[in-house]
Amino acid sequence: MATTRHNITLEEEVYKEFCKYAGKKGIKVSTWINIKMKEFIEEEKMIEEIRKKCS
């Protein structure tokens, strides 16, 4: 799987707190964002399917 780099903007306090808790578990920001984006995509696909079935 290929990866690409992207710059993102985060609220400083949110980032600091994330690092505080995620660091203890060995979670990287990029890994967490990737997982959350995949979850979002799956949810959106499910919503699209439901809308198609209901119309």
C-alpha atoms as a PDB file:
ATOM      1  CA  MET A   1       0.000   0.000   0.000  1.00  0.00           C
ATOM      2  CA  ALA A   2       1.365   3.390  -0.980  1.00  0.00           C
ATOM      3  CA  THR A   3       1.220   6.325   1.405  1.00  0.00           C
ATOM      4  CA  THR A   4       1.213  10.045   0.785  1.00  0.00           C
ATOM      5  CA  ARG A   5       2.151  12.924   3.035  1.00  0.00           C
ATOM      6  CA  HIS A   6      -0.308  15.693   3.877  1.00  0.00           C
ATOM      7  CA  ASN A   7      -0.089  18.699   6.111  1.00  0.00           C
ATOM      8  CA  ILE A   8      -2.972  19.088   8.531  1.00  0.00           C
ATOM      9  CA  THR A   9      -3.898  21.786  10.997  1.00  0.00           C
ATOM     10  CA  LEU A  10      -4.735  20.790  14.555  1.00  0.00           C
ATOM     11  CA  GLU A  11      -5.689  22.801  17.594  1.00  0.00           C
ATOM     12  CA  GLU A  12      -2.553  22.959  19.719  1.00  0.00           C
ATOM     13  CA  GLU A  13      -4.208  21.872  22.967  1.00  0.00           C
ATOM     14  CA  VAL A  14      -6.021  18.986  21.276  1.00  0.00           C
ATOM     15  CA  TYR A  15      -2.754  17.789  19.741  1.00  0.00           C
ATOM     16  CA  LYS A  16      -0.910  18.024  23.066  1.00  0.00           C
ATOM     17  CA  GLU A  17      -3.607  16.054  24.880  1.00  0.00           C
ATOM     18  CA  PHE A  18      -3.757  13.448  22.124  1.00  0.00           C
ATOM     19  CA  CYS A  19       0.001  12.975  22.330  1.00  0.00           C
ATOM     20  CA  LYS A  20      -0.203  12.707  26.125  1.00  0.00           C
ATOM     21  CA  TYR A  21      -2.664   9.809  26.001  1.00  0.00           C
ATOM     22  CA  ALA A  22      -1.762   8.196  22.686  1.00  0.00           C
ATOM     23  CA  GLY A  23       1.953   8.219  23.436  1.00  0.00           C
ATOM     24  CA  LYS A  24       1.368   5.983  26.457  1.00  0.00           C
ATOM     25  CA  LYS A  25      -0.217   3.431  24.134  1.00  0.00           C
ATOM     26  CA  GLY A  26       2.289   3.782  21.310  1.00  0.00           C
ATOM     27  CA  ILE A  27      -0.282   5.314  18.943  1.00  0.00           C
ATOM     28  CA  LYS A  28       0.937   7.751  16.320  1.00  0.00           C
ATOM     29  CA  VAL A  29      -1.219  10.610  15.058  1.00  0.00           C
ATOM     30  CA  SER A  30      -1.000   9.418  11.454  1.00  0.00           C
ATOM     31  CA  THR A  31      -2.031   5.874  12.380  1.00  0.00           C
ATOM     32  CA  TRP A  32      -5.016   7.104  14.372  1.00  0.00           C
ATOM     33  CA  ILE A  33      -6.130   9.519  11.642  1.00  0.00           C
ATOM     34  CA  ASN A  34      -5.869   6.762   9.020  1.00  0.00           C
ATOM     35  CA  ILE A  35      -8.059   4.440  11.083  1.00  0.00           C
ATOM     36  CA  LYS A  36     -10.641   7.155  11.760  1.00  0.00           C
ATOM     37  CA  MET A  37     -10.774   8.088   8.076  1.00  0.00           C
ATOM     38  CA  LYS A  38     -11.401   4.443   7.135  1.00  0.00           C
ATOM     39  CA  GLU A  39     -14.188   4.233   9.725  1.00  0.00           C
ATOM     40  CA  PHE A  40     -15.751   7.410   8.335  1.00  0.00           C
ATOM     41  CA  ILE A  41     -15.608   6.089   4.760  1.00  0.00           C
ATOM     42  CA  GLU A  42     -17.283   2.834   5.761  1.00  0.00           C
ATOM     43  CA  GLU A  43     -20.040   4.682   7.603  1.00  0.00           C
ATOM     44  CA  GLU A  44     -20.670   6.928   4.607  1.00  0.00           C
ATOM     45  CA  LYS A  45     -20.836   3.924   2.273  1.00  0.00           C
ATOM     46  CA  MET A  46     -23.393   2.291   4.556  1.00  0.00           C
ATOM     47  CA  ILE A  47     -25.484   5.471   4.590  1.00  0.00           C
ATOM     48  CA  GLU A  48     -25.350   5.620   0.768  1.00  0.00           C
ATOM     49  CA  GLU A  49     -26.527   2.007   0.536  1.00  0.00           C
ATOM     50  CA  ILE A  50     -29.409   2.628   2.920  1.00  0.00           C
ATOM     51  CA  ARG A  51     -30.472   5.699   0.957  1.00  0.00           C
ATOM     52  CA  LYS A  52     -30.390   3.716  -2.314  1.00  0.00           C
ATOM     53  CA  LYS A  53     -32.544   0.962  -0.838  1.00  0.00           C
ATOM     54  CA  CYS A  54     -35.084   3.427   0.578  1.00  0.00           C
ATOM     55  CA  SER A  55     -35.543   5.413  -2.635  1.00  0.00           C
END
